[in-house]
Protein backbone atom coordinates (compact mmCIF):
# COMPACT_ATOMS: atom_id res chain seq x y z
CA MET A 1 3.36 40.09 132.82
CA ARG A 2 4.53 38.89 136.17
CA THR A 3 7.28 40.89 137.83
CA ASN A 4 8.64 41.24 141.28
CA ILE A 5 9.69 44.96 142.12
CA GLU A 6 10.07 46.76 145.20
CA LEU A 7 7.80 49.56 145.89
CA ASP A 8 8.03 52.43 148.31
CA ASP A 9 5.43 51.27 151.04
CA SER A 10 4.44 54.88 152.35
CA MET A 11 3.90 56.06 148.52
CA VAL A 12 1.84 53.01 147.78
CA SER A 13 -0.19 53.67 150.92
CA GLN A 14 -0.84 57.17 150.04
CA ALA A 15 -1.96 56.19 146.63
CA MET A 16 -4.25 53.39 147.83
CA GLU A 17 -5.94 56.28 149.99
CA LEU A 18 -6.28 58.82 147.34
CA THR A 19 -7.58 56.44 144.49
CA GLY A 20 -9.53 54.16 146.82
CA GLU A 21 -7.84 50.89 145.35
CA THR A 22 -7.60 48.31 147.89
CA THR A 23 -4.63 46.29 146.76
CA LYS A 24 -1.00 47.17 145.61
CA ARG A 25 -1.90 45.48 142.31
CA GLY A 26 -4.85 47.53 141.80
CA VAL A 27 -3.12 50.95 142.65
CA VAL A 28 -0.09 49.94 140.26
CA ALA A 29 -2.60 49.05 137.37
CA LEU A 30 -4.04 52.38 137.77
CA ALA A 31 -0.84 54.18 137.97
CA LEU A 32 0.33 52.71 134.78
CA SER A 33 -2.83 53.18 133.10
CA GLU A 34 -3.11 57.07 134.16
CA LEU A 35 0.64 57.39 133.24
CA VAL A 36 0.12 55.94 129.63
CA GLU A 37 -3.03 58.11 129.05
CA ARG A 38 -1.43 61.12 130.25
CA ARG A 39 1.65 60.85 127.90
CA GLU A 40 -0.41 59.82 124.91
CA ARG A 41 -2.62 63.17 124.95
CA ARG A 42 -1.13 65.79 122.91
CA SER A 43 -0.29 68.96 124.77
CA LEU A 44 -1.88 72.19 124.11
CA GLY A 45 1.50 73.57 123.06
CA ASP A 46 1.86 70.88 120.29
CA LEU A 47 -1.51 72.28 118.81
CA ARG A 48 -0.29 75.78 118.47
CA GLY A 49 -0.76 77.12 114.97
CA GLN A 50 -2.58 74.11 113.90
CA VAL A 51 -6.41 75.25 114.97
CA ALA A 52 -8.36 77.85 113.06
CA PHE A 53 -11.14 79.68 115.01
CA ALA A 54 -13.91 81.12 113.32
CA ASP A 55 -13.88 85.05 112.57
CA GLY A 56 -15.68 86.69 115.70
CA TYR A 57 -14.99 83.82 118.00
CA ASP A 58 -14.95 85.03 121.73
CA HIS A 59 -13.87 82.32 124.32
CA ARG A 60 -14.27 84.64 127.01
CA ALA A 61 -18.12 85.36 126.08
CA LEU A 62 -18.54 81.38 126.05
CA ARG A 63 -17.00 81.17 129.31
CA VAL A 64 -19.51 83.60 130.90
CA ALA A 65 -22.44 82.23 129.02
CA SER A 66 -21.70 78.51 130.14
CA GLY A 67 -20.53 79.27 133.48
CA PRO A 68 -22.33 78.00 136.76
CA ASP A 69 -25.44 80.07 137.76
CA LEU A 70 -24.27 81.41 141.02
CA SER A 71 -27.42 83.40 141.97
């Protein structure tokens, strides 16, 4: 879809620096893509009460076991 919009130049420049995109078109396409992806994800709050964990499940122990080896 072709359209003309007015963009904040400083915001576009900052977005281009942060993303590495070299064109306004590229940075706008990336921004729209990330917005749609983010909004489509279910928040963790939406899953409250819908996930059943196995008896004895210990998320803290798993974090320690799978964490980085800092030795």
